[in-house]
Amino acid sequence: MMAMCADASFVLSNHAATRMAQRSIRHDSLELVLLHGTRVKARHDCEEYILSGRTVRHLTAAGLDEEMIAAATKVRAIVDAAGNVVTCYHQRKGRSRPFRSNSCLRNTKYM
């Protein structure tokens, strides 16, 4: 069990631990996001934790390491209703993949 703060504790799932290793996400970056991050509604009764610009300014003013804060601003964490960290990933800028409609499948005749 991975306790993050006094009022909430988070459990790191096996999937999240694997993804952290694959994506080179440091434990202290994830901890910073879960401890100080803003909760945003996500799919399937989950919440996404992110560090907002305002939070970054407050943490910098409080004297936390700027490199650690910069690394944590790129990390996103998905937490389910039970407090389990489902997965974590790096934020991507813009669309990760171009939008592809099913228009290429229209007027296709199947035999």
PDB file of N, CA and C in Angstrom:
ATOM      1  N   MET A   1       0.845  -1.180   0.000  1.00  0.00           N
ATOM      2  CA  MET A   1       0.000   0.000   0.000  1.00  0.00           C
ATOM      3  C   MET A   1       0.886   1.237   0.000  1.00  0.00           C
ATOM      4  N   MET A   2       0.489   2.217  -0.758  1.00  0.00           N
ATOM      5  CA  MET A   2       1.282   3.421  -0.931  1.00  0.00           C
ATOM      6  C   MET A   2       0.479   4.600  -0.391  1.00  0.00           C
ATOM      7  N   ALA A   3       0.740   5.017   0.834  1.00  0.00           N
ATOM      8  CA  ALA A   3       0.011   6.130   1.429  1.00  0.00           C
ATOM      9  C   ALA A   3       0.554   7.440   0.889  1.00  0.00           C
ATOM     10  N   MET A   4      -0.330   8.316   0.447  1.00  0.00           N
ATOM     11  CA  MET A   4       0.094   9.565  -0.163  1.00  0.00           C
ATOM     12  C   MET A   4      -0.131  10.771   0.732  1.00  0.00           C
ATOM     13  N   CYS A   5      -1.215  10.801   1.430  1.00  0.00           N
ATOM     14  CA  CYS A   5      -1.470  11.940   2.297  1.00  0.00           C
ATOM     15  C   CYS A   5      -2.344  11.482   3.453  1.00  0.00           C
ATOM     16  N   ALA A   6      -2.541  12.342   4.415  1.00  0.00           N
ATOM     17  CA  ALA A   6      -3.239  11.962   5.636  1.00  0.00           C
ATOM     18  C   ALA A   6      -4.698  11.599   5.388  1.00  0.00           C
ATOM     19  N   ASP A   7      -5.369  12.300   4.480  1.00  0.00           N
ATOM     20  CA  ASP A   7      -6.794  12.068   4.282  1.00  0.00           C
ATOM     21  C   ASP A   7      -7.096  11.039   3.199  1.00  0.00           C
ATOM     22  N   ALA A   8      -6.114  10.605   2.453  1.00  0.00           N
ATOM     23  CA  ALA A   8      -6.360   9.618   1.401  1.00  0.00           C
ATOM     24  C   ALA A   8      -5.130   8.741   1.234  1.00  0.00           C
ATOM     25  N   SER A   9      -5.390   7.475   0.951  1.00  0.00           N
ATOM     26  CA  SER A   9      -4.277   6.578   0.656  1.00  0.00           C
ATOM     27  C   SER A   9      -4.544   5.950  -0.700  1.00  0.00           C
ATOM     28  N   PHE A  10      -3.490   5.711  -1.435  1.00  0.00           N
ATOM     29  CA  PHE A  10      -3.595   5.161  -2.770  1.00  0.00           C
ATOM     30  C   PHE A  10      -2.823   3.858  -2.836  1.00  0.00           C
ATOM     31  N   VAL A  11      -3.384   2.906  -3.554  1.00  0.00           N
ATOM     32  CA  VAL A  11      -2.725   1.624  -3.757  1.00  0.00           C
ATOM     33  C   VAL A  11      -2.298   1.558  -5.214  1.00  0.00           C
ATOM     34  N   LEU A  12      -1.045   1.269  -5.437  1.00  0.00           N
ATOM     35  CA  LEU A  12      -0.496   1.176  -6.782  1.00  0.00           C
ATOM     36  C   LEU A  12      -0.792  -0.214  -7.335  1.00  0.00           C
ATOM     37  N   SER A  13      -1.571  -0.285  -8.403  1.00  0.00           N
ATOM     38  CA  SER A  13      -1.890  -1.582  -9.006  1.00  0.00           C
ATOM     39  C   SER A  13      -0.674  -2.139  -9.740  1.00  0.00           C
ATOM     40  N   ASN A  14      -0.713  -3.435 -10.023  1.00  0.00           N
ATOM     41  CA  ASN A  14       0.379  -4.063 -10.772  1.00  0.00           C
ATOM     42  C   ASN A  14       0.513  -3.430 -12.149  1.00  0.00           C
ATOM     43  N   HIS A  15      -0.623  -3.128 -12.766  1.00  0.00           N
ATOM     44  CA  HIS A  15      -0.607  -2.504 -14.089  1.00  0.00           C
ATOM     45  C   HIS A  15       0.081  -1.139 -14.024  1.00  0.00           C
ATOM     46  N   ALA A  16      -0.276  -0.342 -13.013  1.00  0.00           N
ATOM     47  CA  ALA A  16       0.322   0.989 -12.877  1.00  0.00           C
ATOM     48  C   ALA A  16       1.823   0.893 -12.608  1.00  0.00           C
ATOM     49  N   ALA A  17       2.235  -0.071 -11.796  1.00  0.00           N
ATOM     50  CA  ALA A  17       3.666  -0.245 -11.518  1.00  0.00           C
ATOM     51  C   ALA A  17       4.420  -0.633 -12.779  1.00  0.00           C
ATOM     52  N   THR A  18       3.814  -1.498 -13.588  1.00  0.00           N
ATOM     53  CA  THR A  18       4.436  -1.897 -14.852  1.00  0.00           C
ATOM     54  C   THR A  18       4.549  -0.712 -15.790  1.00  0.00           C
ATOM     55  N   ARG A  19       3.477   0.063 -15.904  1.00  0.00           N
ATOM     56  CA  ARG A  19       3.491   1.224 -16.791  1.00  0.00           C
ATOM     57  C   ARG A  19       4.484   2.285 -16.316  1.00  0.00           C
ATOM     58  N   MET A  20       4.611   2.450 -15.015  1.00  0.00           N
ATOM     59  CA  MET A  20       5.600   3.402 -14.495  1.00  0.00           C
ATOM     60  C   MET A  20       7.003   2.998 -14.931  1.00  0.00           C
ATOM     61  N   ALA A  21       7.290   1.710 -14.851  1.00  0.00           N
ATOM     62  CA  ALA A  21       8.613   1.223 -15.250  1.00  0.00           C
ATOM     63  C   ALA A  21       8.819   1.377 -16.753  1.00  0.00           C
ATOM     64  N   GLN A  22       7.794   1.052 -17.543  1.00  0.00           N
ATOM     65  CA  GLN A  22       7.906   1.133 -18.996  1.00  0.00           C
ATOM     66  C   GLN A  22       8.038   2.572 -19.476  1.00  0.00           C
ATOM     67  N   ARG A  23       7.375   3.488 -18.787  1.00  0.00           N
ATOM     68  CA  ARG A  23       7.330   4.884 -19.227  1.00  0.00           C
ATOM     69  C   ARG A  23       8.306   5.781 -18.476  1.00  0.00           C
ATOM     70  N   SER A  24       9.139   5.190 -17.649  1.00  0.00           N
ATOM     71  CA  SER A  24      10.158   5.928 -16.880  1.00  0.00           C
ATOM     72  C   SER A  24       9.547   7.046 -16.043  1.00  0.00           C
ATOM     73  N   ILE A  25       8.478   6.720 -15.337  1.00  0.00           N
ATOM     74  CA  ILE A  25       7.844   7.675 -14.437  1.00  0.00           C
ATOM     75  C   ILE A  25       8.362   7.398 -13.033  1.00  0.00           C
ATOM     76  N   ARG A  26       8.941   8.406 -12.423  1.00  0.00           N
ATOM     77  CA  ARG A  26       9.514   8.241 -11.094  1.00  0.00           C
ATOM     78  C   ARG A  26       8.425   8.226 -10.033  1.00  0.00           C
ATOM     79  N   HIS A  27       8.686   7.476  -8.977  1.00  0.00           N
ATOM     80  CA  HIS A  27       7.730   7.338  -7.887  1.00  0.00           C
ATOM     81  C   HIS A  27       7.452   8.686  -7.217  1.00  0.00           C
ATOM     82  N   ASP A  28       8.481   9.514  -7.046  1.00  0.00           N
ATOM     83  CA  ASP A  28       8.268  10.804  -6.389  1.00  0.00           C
ATOM     84  C   ASP A  28       7.449  11.760  -7.248  1.00  0.00           C
ATOM     85  N   SER A  29       7.531  11.625  -8.576  1.00  0.00           N
ATOM     86  CA  SER A  29       6.689  12.448  -9.459  1.00  0.00           C
ATOM     87  C   SER A  29       5.227  12.058  -9.312  1.00  0.00           C
ATOM     88  N   LEU A  30       4.970  10.749  -9.284  1.00  0.00           N
ATOM     89  CA  LEU A  30       3.599  10.273  -9.108  1.00  0.00           C
ATOM     90  C   LEU A  30       3.067  10.683  -7.742  1.00  0.00           C
ATOM     91  N   GLU A  31       3.895  10.579  -6.730  1.00  0.00           N
ATOM     92  CA  GLU A  31       3.479  10.960  -5.383  1.00  0.00           C
ATOM     93  C   GLU A  31       3.117  12.441  -5.314  1.00  0.00           C
ATOM     94  N   LEU A  32       3.903  13.278  -5.977  1.00  0.00           N
ATOM     95  CA  LEU A  32       3.631  14.717  -6.001  1.00  0.00           C
ATOM     96  C   LEU A  32       2.301  15.010  -6.699  1.00  0.00           C
ATOM     97  N   VAL A  33       2.034  14.309  -7.795  1.00  0.00           N
ATOM     98  CA  VAL A  33       0.775  14.499  -8.523  1.00  0.00           C
ATOM     99  C   VAL A  33      -0.408  14.055  -7.672  1.00  0.00           C
ATOM    100  N   LEU A  34      -0.288  12.912  -7.004  1.00  0.00           N
ATOM    101  CA  LEU A  34      -1.400  12.411  -6.195  1.00  0.00           C
ATOM    102  C   LEU A  34      -1.613  13.248  -4.937  1.00  0.00           C
ATOM    103  N   LEU A  35      -0.552  13.781  -4.391  1.00  0.00           N
ATOM    104  CA  LEU A  35      -0.658  14.562  -3.164  1.00  0.00           C
ATOM    105  C   LEU A  35      -1.190  15.967  -3.414  1.00  0.00           C
ATOM    106  N   HIS A  36      -0.717  16.618  -4.472  1.00  0.00           N
ATOM    107  CA  HIS A  36      -1.063  18.018  -4.723  1.00  0.00           C
ATOM    108  C   HIS A  36      -1.902  18.230  -5.978  1.00  0.00           C
ATOM    109  N   GLY A  37      -2.191  17.177  -6.712  1.00  0.00           N
ATOM    110  CA  GLY A  37      -2.864  17.316  -7.994  1.00  0.00           C
ATOM    111  C   GLY A  37      -4.340  17.650  -7.893  1.00  0.00           C
ATOM    112  N   THR A  38      -4.846  18.137  -8.987  1.00  0.00           N
ATOM    113  CA  THR A  38      -6.263  18.453  -9.125  1.00  0.00           C
ATOM    114  C   THR A  38      -6.974  17.241  -9.701  1.00  0.00           C
ATOM    115  N   ARG A  39      -8.129  16.909  -9.130  1.00  0.00           N
ATOM    116  CA  ARG A  39      -8.896  15.768  -9.615  1.00  0.00           C
ATOM    117  C   ARG A  39      -9.838  16.207 -10.728  1.00  0.00           C
ATOM    118  N   VAL A  40      -9.827  15.440 -11.803  1.00  0.00           N
ATOM    119  CA  VAL A  40     -10.700  15.692 -12.941  1.00  0.00           C
ATOM    120  C   VAL A  40     -11.442  14.398 -13.235  1.00  0.00           C
ATOM    121  N   LYS A  41     -12.713  14.500 -13.550  1.00  0.00           N
ATOM    122  CA  LYS A  41     -13.511  13.314 -13.858  1.00  0.00           C
ATOM    123  C   LYS A  41     -12.963  12.609 -15.083  1.00  0.00           C
ATOM    124  N   ALA A  42     -12.851  11.293 -14.999  1.00  0.00           N
ATOM    125  CA  ALA A  42     -12.399  10.469 -16.117  1.00  0.00           C
ATOM    126  C   ALA A  42     -13.461   9.402 -16.377  1.00  0.00           C
ATOM    127  N   ARG A  43     -13.178   8.493 -17.262  1.00  0.00           N
ATOM    128  CA  ARG A  43     -14.143   7.446 -17.615  1.00  0.00           C
ATOM    129  C   ARG A  43     -14.267   6.388 -16.519  1.00  0.00           C
ATOM    130  N   HIS A  44     -15.369   5.663 -16.562  1.00  0.00           N
ATOM    131  CA  HIS A  44     -15.610   4.481 -15.726  1.00  0.00           C
ATOM    132  C   HIS A  44     -15.451   4.775 -14.233  1.00  0.00           C
ATOM    133  N   ASP A  45     -16.053   5.837 -13.750  1.00  0.00           N
ATOM    134  CA  ASP A  45     -16.021   6.213 -12.333  1.00  0.00           C
ATOM    135  C   ASP A  45     -14.606   6.396 -11.797  1.00  0.00           C
ATOM    136  N   CYS A  46     -13.709   6.826 -12.627  1.00  0.00           N
ATOM    137  CA  CYS A  46     -12.327   7.098 -12.219  1.00  0.00           C
ATOM    138  C   CYS A  46     -12.086   8.599 -12.221  1.00  0.00           C
ATOM    139  N   GLU A  47     -10.992   8.982 -11.599  1.00  0.00           N
ATOM    140  CA  GLU A  47     -10.582  10.378 -11.590  1.00  0.00           C
ATOM    141  C   GLU A  47      -9.156  10.479 -12.095  1.00  0.00           C
ATOM    142  N   GLU A  48      -8.875  11.555 -12.820  1.00  0.00           N
ATOM    143  CA  GLU A  48      -7.533  11.813 -13.322  1.00  0.00           C
ATOM    144  C   GLU A  48      -6.907  12.900 -12.459  1.00  0.00           C
ATOM    145  N   TYR A  49      -5.701  12.668 -12.019  1.00  0.00           N
ATOM    146  CA  TYR A  49      -4.966  13.639 -11.215  1.00  0.00           C
ATOM    147  C   TYR A  49      -3.934  14.331 -12.090  1.00  0.00           C
ATOM    148  N   ILE A  50      -3.953  15.672 -12.060  1.00  0.00           N
ATOM    149  CA  ILE A  50      -3.004  16.472 -12.835  1.00  0.00           C
ATOM    150  C   ILE A  50      -2.499  17.616 -11.959  1.00  0.00           C
ATOM    151  N   LEU A  51      -1.349  18.149 -12.294  1.00  0.00           N
ATOM    152  CA  LEU A  51      -0.837  19.337 -11.605  1.00  0.00           C
ATOM    153  C   LEU A  51      -1.190  20.564 -12.437  1.00  0.00           C
ATOM    154  N   SER A  52      -1.963  21.463 -11.859  1.00  0.00           N
ATOM    155  CA  SER A  52      -2.347  22.684 -12.567  1.00  0.00           C
ATOM    156  C   SER A  52      -1.228  23.716 -12.473  1.00  0.00           C
ATOM    157  N   GLY A  53      -1.315  24.730 -13.302  1.00  0.00           N
ATOM    158  CA  GLY A  53      -0.330  25.802 -13.290  1.00  0.00           C
ATOM    159  C   GLY A  53      -0.290  26.540 -11.964  1.00  0.00           C
ATOM    160  N   ARG A  54      -1.447  26.727 -11.374  1.00  0.00           N
ATOM    161  CA  ARG A  54      -1.522  27.407 -10.079  1.00  0.00           C
ATOM    162  C   ARG A  54      -0.807  26.586  -9.004  1.00  0.00           C
ATOM    163  N   THR A  55      -1.030  25.281  -9.015  1.00  0.00           N
ATOM    164  CA  THR A  55      -0.372  24.405  -8.046  1.00  0.00           C
ATOM    165  C   THR A  55       1.139  24.424  -8.231  1.00  0.00           C
ATOM    166  N   VAL A  56       1.575  24.433  -9.488  1.00  0.00           N
ATOM    167  CA  VAL A  56       3.013  24.490  -9.776  1.00  0.00           C
ATOM    168  C   VAL A  56       3.618  25.765  -9.197  1.00  0.00           C
ATOM    169  N   ARG A  57       2.934  26.889  -9.353  1.00  0.00           N
ATOM    170  CA  ARG A  57       3.435  28.153  -8.805  1.00  0.00           C
ATOM    171  C   ARG A  57       3.526  28.102  -7.277  1.00  0.00           C
ATOM    172  N   HIS A  58       2.508  27.504  -6.632  1.00  0.00           N
ATOM    173  CA  HIS A  58       2.520  27.396  -5.172  1.00  0.00           C
ATOM    174  C   HIS A  58       3.638  26.479  -4.690  1.00  0.00           C
ATOM    175  N   LEU A  59       3.842  25.369  -5.384  1.00  0.00           N
ATOM    176  CA  LEU A  59       4.903  24.437  -4.992  1.00  0.00           C
ATOM    177  C   LEU A  59       6.284  25.055  -5.188  1.00  0.00           C
ATOM    178  N   THR A  60       6.442  25.820  -6.262  1.00  0.00           N
ATOM    179  CA  THR A  60       7.715  26.498  -6.512  1.00  0.00           C
ATOM    180  C   THR A  60       7.974  27.552  -5.437  1.00  0.00           C
ATOM    181  N   ALA A  61       6.928  28.293  -5.079  1.00  0.00           N
ATOM    182  CA  ALA A  61       7.069  29.309  -4.035  1.00  0.00           C
ATOM    183  C   ALA A  61       7.356  28.675  -2.675  1.00  0.00           C
ATOM    184  N   ALA A  62       6.878  27.449  -2.470  1.00  0.00           N
ATOM    185  CA  ALA A  62       7.110  26.752  -1.203  1.00  0.00           C
ATOM    186  C   ALA A  62       8.525  26.196  -1.106  1.00  0.00           C
ATOM    187  N   GLY A  63       9.263  26.233  -2.215  1.00  0.00           N
ATOM    188  CA  GLY A  63      10.656  25.823  -2.176  1.00  0.00           C
ATOM    189  C   GLY A  63      10.931  24.401  -2.615  1.00  0.00           C
ATOM    190  N   LEU A  64       9.980  23.731  -3.237  1.00  0.00           N
ATOM    191  CA  LEU A  64      10.236  22.382  -3.744  1.00  0.00           C
ATOM    192  C   LEU A  64      11.169  22.436  -4.943  1.00  0.00           C
ATOM    193  N   ASP A  65      11.829  21.328  -5.197  1.00  0.00           N
ATOM    194  CA  ASP A  65      12.791  21.234  -6.292  1.00  0.00           C
ATOM    195  C   ASP A  65      12.087  21.479  -7.627  1.00  0.00           C
ATOM    196  N   GLU A  66      12.584  22.445  -8.394  1.00  0.00           N
ATOM    197  CA  GLU A  66      11.938  22.825  -9.651  1.00  0.00           C
ATOM    198  C   GLU A  66      12.017  21.724 -10.702  1.00  0.00           C
ATOM    199  N   GLU A  67      13.094  20.952 -10.714  1.00  0.00           N
ATOM    200  CA  GLU A  67      13.208  19.854 -11.678  1.00  0.00           C
ATOM    201  C   GLU A  67      12.181  18.769 -11.393  1.00  0.00           C
ATOM    202  N   MET A  68      11.957  18.473 -10.104  1.00  0.00           N
ATOM    203  CA  MET A  68      10.966  17.470  -9.738  1.00  0.00           C
ATOM    204  C   MET A  68       9.562  17.954 -10.101  1.00  0.00           C
ATOM    205  N   ILE A  69       9.301  19.237  -9.871  1.00  0.00           N
ATOM    206  CA  ILE A  69       7.993  19.803 -10.216  1.00  0.00           C
ATOM    207  C   ILE A  69       7.788  19.761 -11.724  1.00  0.00           C
ATOM    208  N   ALA A  70       8.818  20.110 -12.484  1.00  0.00           N
ATOM    209  CA  ALA A  70       8.713  20.092 -13.946  1.00  0.00           C
ATOM    210  C   ALA A  70       8.438  18.687 -14.459  1.00  0.00           C
ATOM    211  N   ALA A  71       9.066  17.689 -13.865  1.00  0.00           N
ATOM    212  CA  ALA A  71       8.818  16.304 -14.277  1.00  0.00           C
ATOM    213  C   ALA A  71       7.404  15.875 -13.912  1.00  0.00           C
ATOM    214  N   ALA A  72       6.919  16.310 -12.750  1.00  0.00           N
ATOM    215  CA  ALA A  72       5.592  15.911 -12.290  1.00  0.00           C
ATOM    216  C   ALA A  72       4.477  16.578 -13.082  1.00  0.00           C
ATOM    217  N   THR A  73       4.726  17.753 -13.666  1.00  0.00           N
ATOM    218  CA  THR A  73       3.676  18.419 -14.439  1.00  0.00           C
ATOM    219  C   THR A  73       3.325  17.643 -15.698  1.00  0.00           C
ATOM    220  N   LYS A  74       4.202  16.772 -16.151  1.00  0.00           N
ATOM    221  CA  LYS A  74       3.951  15.984 -17.354  1.00  0.00           C
ATOM    222  C   LYS A  74       3.277  14.655 -17.057  1.00  0.00           C
ATOM    223  N   VAL A  75       3.105  14.325 -15.773  1.00  0.00           N
ATOM    224  CA  VAL A  75       2.566  13.023 -15.375  1.00  0.00           C
ATOM    225  C   VAL A  75       1.079  13.140 -15.083  1.00  0.00           C
ATOM    226  N   ARG A  76       0.328  12.169 -15.557  1.00  0.00           N
ATOM    227  CA  ARG A  76      -1.101  12.051 -15.269  1.00  0.00           C
ATOM    228  C   ARG A  76      -1.333  10.709 -14.592  1.00  0.00           C
ATOM    229  N   ALA A  77      -2.252  10.665 -13.629  1.00  0.00           N
ATOM    230  CA  ALA A  77      -2.565   9.424 -12.927  1.00  0.00           C
ATOM    231  C   ALA A  77      -4.066   9.195 -12.952  1.00  0.00           C
ATOM    232  N   ILE A  78      -4.467   7.975 -13.239  1.00  0.00           N
ATOM    233  CA  ILE A  78      -5.875   7.585 -13.216  1.00  0.00           C
ATOM    234  C   ILE A  78      -6.103   6.748 -11.962  1.00  0.00           C
ATOM    235  N   VAL A  79      -7.069   7.180 -11.133  1.00  0.00           N
ATOM    236  CA  VAL A  79      -7.359   6.518  -9.865  1.00  0.00           C
ATOM    237  C   VAL A  79      -8.829   6.125  -9.856  1.00  0.00           C
ATOM    238  N   ASP A  80      -9.120   4.875  -9.454  1.00  0.00           N
ATOM    239  CA  ASP A  80     -10.514   4.440  -9.409  1.00  0.00           C
ATOM    240  C   ASP A  80     -11.167   4.885  -8.102  1.00  0.00           C
ATOM    241  N   ALA A  81     -12.452   4.556  -7.946  1.00  0.00           N
ATOM    242  CA  ALA A  81     -13.217   5.021  -6.794  1.00  0.00           C
ATOM    243  C   ALA A  81     -12.704   4.445  -5.477  1.00  0.00           C
ATOM    244  N   ALA A  82     -12.046   3.288  -5.525  1.00  0.00           N
ATOM    245  CA  ALA A  82     -11.529   2.652  -4.311  1.00  0.00           C
ATOM    246  C   ALA A  82     -10.164   3.196  -3.896  1.00  0.00           C
ATOM    247  N   GLY A  83      -9.581   4.080  -4.687  1.00  0.00           N
ATOM    248  CA  GLY A  83      -8.281   4.644  -4.360  1.00  0.00           C
ATOM    249  C   GLY A  83      -7.117   3.889  -4.955  1.00  0.00           C
ATOM    250  N   ASN A  84      -7.386   3.018  -5.921  1.00  0.00           N
ATOM    251  CA  ASN A  84      -6.322   2.281  -6.600  1.00  0.00           C
ATOM    252  C   ASN A  84      -5.824   3.083  -7.789  1.00  0.00           C
ATOM    253  N   VAL A  85      -4.518   3.231  -7.900  1.00  0.00           N
ATOM    254  CA  VAL A  85      -3.940   3.888  -9.066  1.00  0.00           C
ATOM    255  C   VAL A  85      -4.006   2.880 -10.203  1.00  0.00           C
ATOM    256  N   VAL A  86      -4.867   3.147 -11.184  1.00  0.00           N
ATOM    257  CA  VAL A  86      -5.089   2.221 -12.291  1.00  0.00           C
ATOM    258  C   VAL A  86      -3.931   2.281 -13.270  1.00  0.00           C
ATOM    259  N   THR A  87      -3.552   3.489 -13.667  1.00  0.00           N
ATOM    260  CA  THR A  87      -2.435   3.665 -14.591  1.00  0.00           C
ATOM    261  C   THR A  87      -1.901   5.080 -14.474  1.00  0.00           C
ATOM    262  N   CYS A  88      -0.756   5.299 -15.058  1.00  0.00           N
ATOM    263  CA  CYS A  88      -0.194   6.641 -15.132  1.00  0.00           C
ATOM    264  C   CYS A  88       0.561   6.767 -16.448  1.00  0.00           C
ATOM    265  N   TYR A  89       0.636   7.996 -16.927  1.00  0.00           N
ATOM    266  CA  TYR A  89       1.232   8.225 -18.241  1.00  0.00           C
ATOM    267  C   TYR A  89       1.719   9.659 -18.330  1.00  0.00           C
ATOM    268  N   HIS A  90       2.493   9.937 -19.375  1.00  0.00           N
ATOM    269  CA  HIS A  90       2.964  11.288 -19.647  1.00  0.00           C
ATOM    270  C   HIS A  90       1.935  12.009 -20.505  1.00  0.00           C
ATOM    271  N   GLN A  91       1.732  13.288 -20.224  1.00  0.00           N
ATOM    272  CA  GLN A  91       0.833  14.109 -21.018  1.00  0.00           C
ATOM    273  C   GLN A  91       1.414  14.277 -22.415  1.00  0.00           C
ATOM    274  N   ARG A  92       0.559  14.219 -23.395  1.00  0.00           N
ATOM    275  CA  ARG A  92       0.973  14.470 -24.773  1.00  0.00           C
ATOM    276  C   ARG A  92       0.419  15.809 -25.208  1.00  0.00           C
ATOM    277  N   LYS A  93       1.156  16.481 -26.052  1.00  0.00           N
ATOM    278  CA  LYS A  93       0.676  17.758 -26.579  1.00  0.00           C
ATOM    279  C   LYS A  93      -0.142  17.491 -27.829  1.00  0.00           C
ATOM    280  N   GLY A  94      -1.323  18.070 -27.884  1.00  0.00           N
ATOM    281  CA  GLY A  94      -2.169  17.914 -29.059  1.00  0.00           C
ATOM    282  C   GLY A  94      -2.734  16.511 -29.176  1.00  0.00           C
ATOM    283  N   ARG A  95      -3.237  16.218 -30.335  1.00  0.00           N
ATOM    284  CA  ARG A  95      -3.812  14.902 -30.586  1.00  0.00           C
ATOM    285  C   ARG A  95      -2.690  13.894 -30.775  1.00  0.00           C
ATOM    286  N   SER A  96      -2.838  12.762 -30.144  1.00  0.00           N
ATOM    287  CA  SER A  96      -1.797  11.751 -30.255  1.00  0.00           C
ATOM    288  C   SER A  96      -1.874  11.014 -31.587  1.00  0.00           C
ATOM    289  N   ARG A  97      -3.071  10.902 -32.123  1.00  0.00           N
ATOM    290  CA  ARG A  97      -3.250  10.226 -33.403  1.00  0.00           C
ATOM    291  C   ARG A  97      -4.224  11.045 -34.249  1.00  0.00           C
ATOM    292  N   PRO A  98      -4.040  11.050 -35.533  1.00  0.00           N
ATOM    293  CA  PRO A  98      -4.993  11.786 -36.370  1.00  0.00           C
ATOM    294  C   PRO A  98      -6.355  11.110 -36.340  1.00  0.00           C
ATOM    295  N   PHE A  99      -7.374  11.921 -36.461  1.00  0.00           N
ATOM    296  CA  PHE A  99      -8.730  11.398 -36.459  1.00  0.00           C
ATOM    297  C   PHE A  99      -8.982  10.623 -37.739  1.00  0.00           C
ATOM    298  N   ARG A 100      -9.508   9.433 -37.591  1.00  0.00           N
ATOM    299  CA  ARG A 100      -9.809   8.607 -38.751  1.00  0.00           C
ATOM    300  C   ARG A 100     -11.276   8.212 -38.690  1.00  0.00           C
ATOM    301  N   SER A 101     -12.019   8.628 -39.668  1.00  0.00           N
ATOM    302  CA  SER A 101     -13.430   8.272 -39.695  1.00  0.00           C
ATOM    303  C   SER A 101     -13.612   6.963 -40.443  1.00  0.00           C
ATOM    304  N   ASN A 102     -14.802   6.479 -40.411  1.00  0.00           N
ATOM    305  CA  ASN A 102     -15.116   5.242 -41.116  1.00  0.00           C
ATOM    306  C   ASN A 102     -15.535   5.505 -42.555  1.00  0.00           C
ATOM    307  N   SER A 103     -15.250   6.702 -43.060  1.00  0.00           N
ATOM    308  CA  SER A 103     -15.684   7.047 -44.411  1.00  0.00           C
ATOM    309  C   SER A 103     -15.039   6.153 -45.462  1.00  0.00           C
ATOM    310  N   CYS A 104     -13.851   5.628 -45.165  1.00  0.00           N
ATOM    311  CA  CYS A 104     -13.205   4.751 -46.143  1.00  0.00           C
ATOM    312  C   CYS A 104     -13.927   3.414 -46.249  1.00  0.00           C
ATOM    313  N   LEU A 105     -14.770   3.102 -45.258  1.00  0.00           N
ATOM    314  CA  LEU A 105     -15.498   1.836 -45.286  1.00  0.00           C
ATOM    315  C   LEU A 105     -16.881   1.969 -45.908  1.00  0.00           C
ATOM    316  N   ARG A 106     -17.289   3.193 -46.178  1.00  0.00           N
ATOM    317  CA  ARG A 106     -18.598   3.390 -46.790  1.00  0.00           C
ATOM    318  C   ARG A 106     -18.578   2.898 -48.226  1.00  0.00           C
ATOM    319  N   ASN A 107     -19.698   2.478 -48.675  1.00  0.00           N
ATOM    320  CA  ASN A 107     -19.888   1.979 -50.038  1.00  0.00           C
ATOM    321  C   ASN A 107     -18.991   0.782 -50.347  1.00  0.00           C
ATOM    322  N   THR A 108     -18.584   0.073 -49.314  1.00  0.00           N
ATOM    323  CA  THR A 108     -17.802  -1.137 -49.519  1.00  0.00           C
ATOM    324  C   THR A 108     -18.763  -2.304 -49.593  1.00  0.00           C
ATOM    325  N   LYS A 109     -18.598  -3.107 -50.608  1.00  0.00           N
ATOM    326  CA  LYS A 109     -19.475  -4.261 -50.772  1.00  0.00           C
ATOM    327  C   LYS A 109     -18.745  -5.503 -50.298  1.00  0.00           C
ATOM    328  N   TYR A 110     -19.403  -6.225 -49.433  1.00  0.00           N
ATOM    329  CA  TYR A 110     -18.832  -7.459 -48.913  1.00  0.00           C
ATOM    330  C   TYR A 110     -19.451  -8.632 -49.642  1.00  0.00           C
ATOM    331  N   MET A 111     -18.658  -9.597 -49.916  1.00  0.00           N
ATOM    332  CA  MET A 111     -19.167 -10.779 -50.619  1.00  0.00           C
ATOM    333  C   MET A 111     -19.401 -11.900 -49.677  1.00  0.00           C
TER     334      MET A 111
END
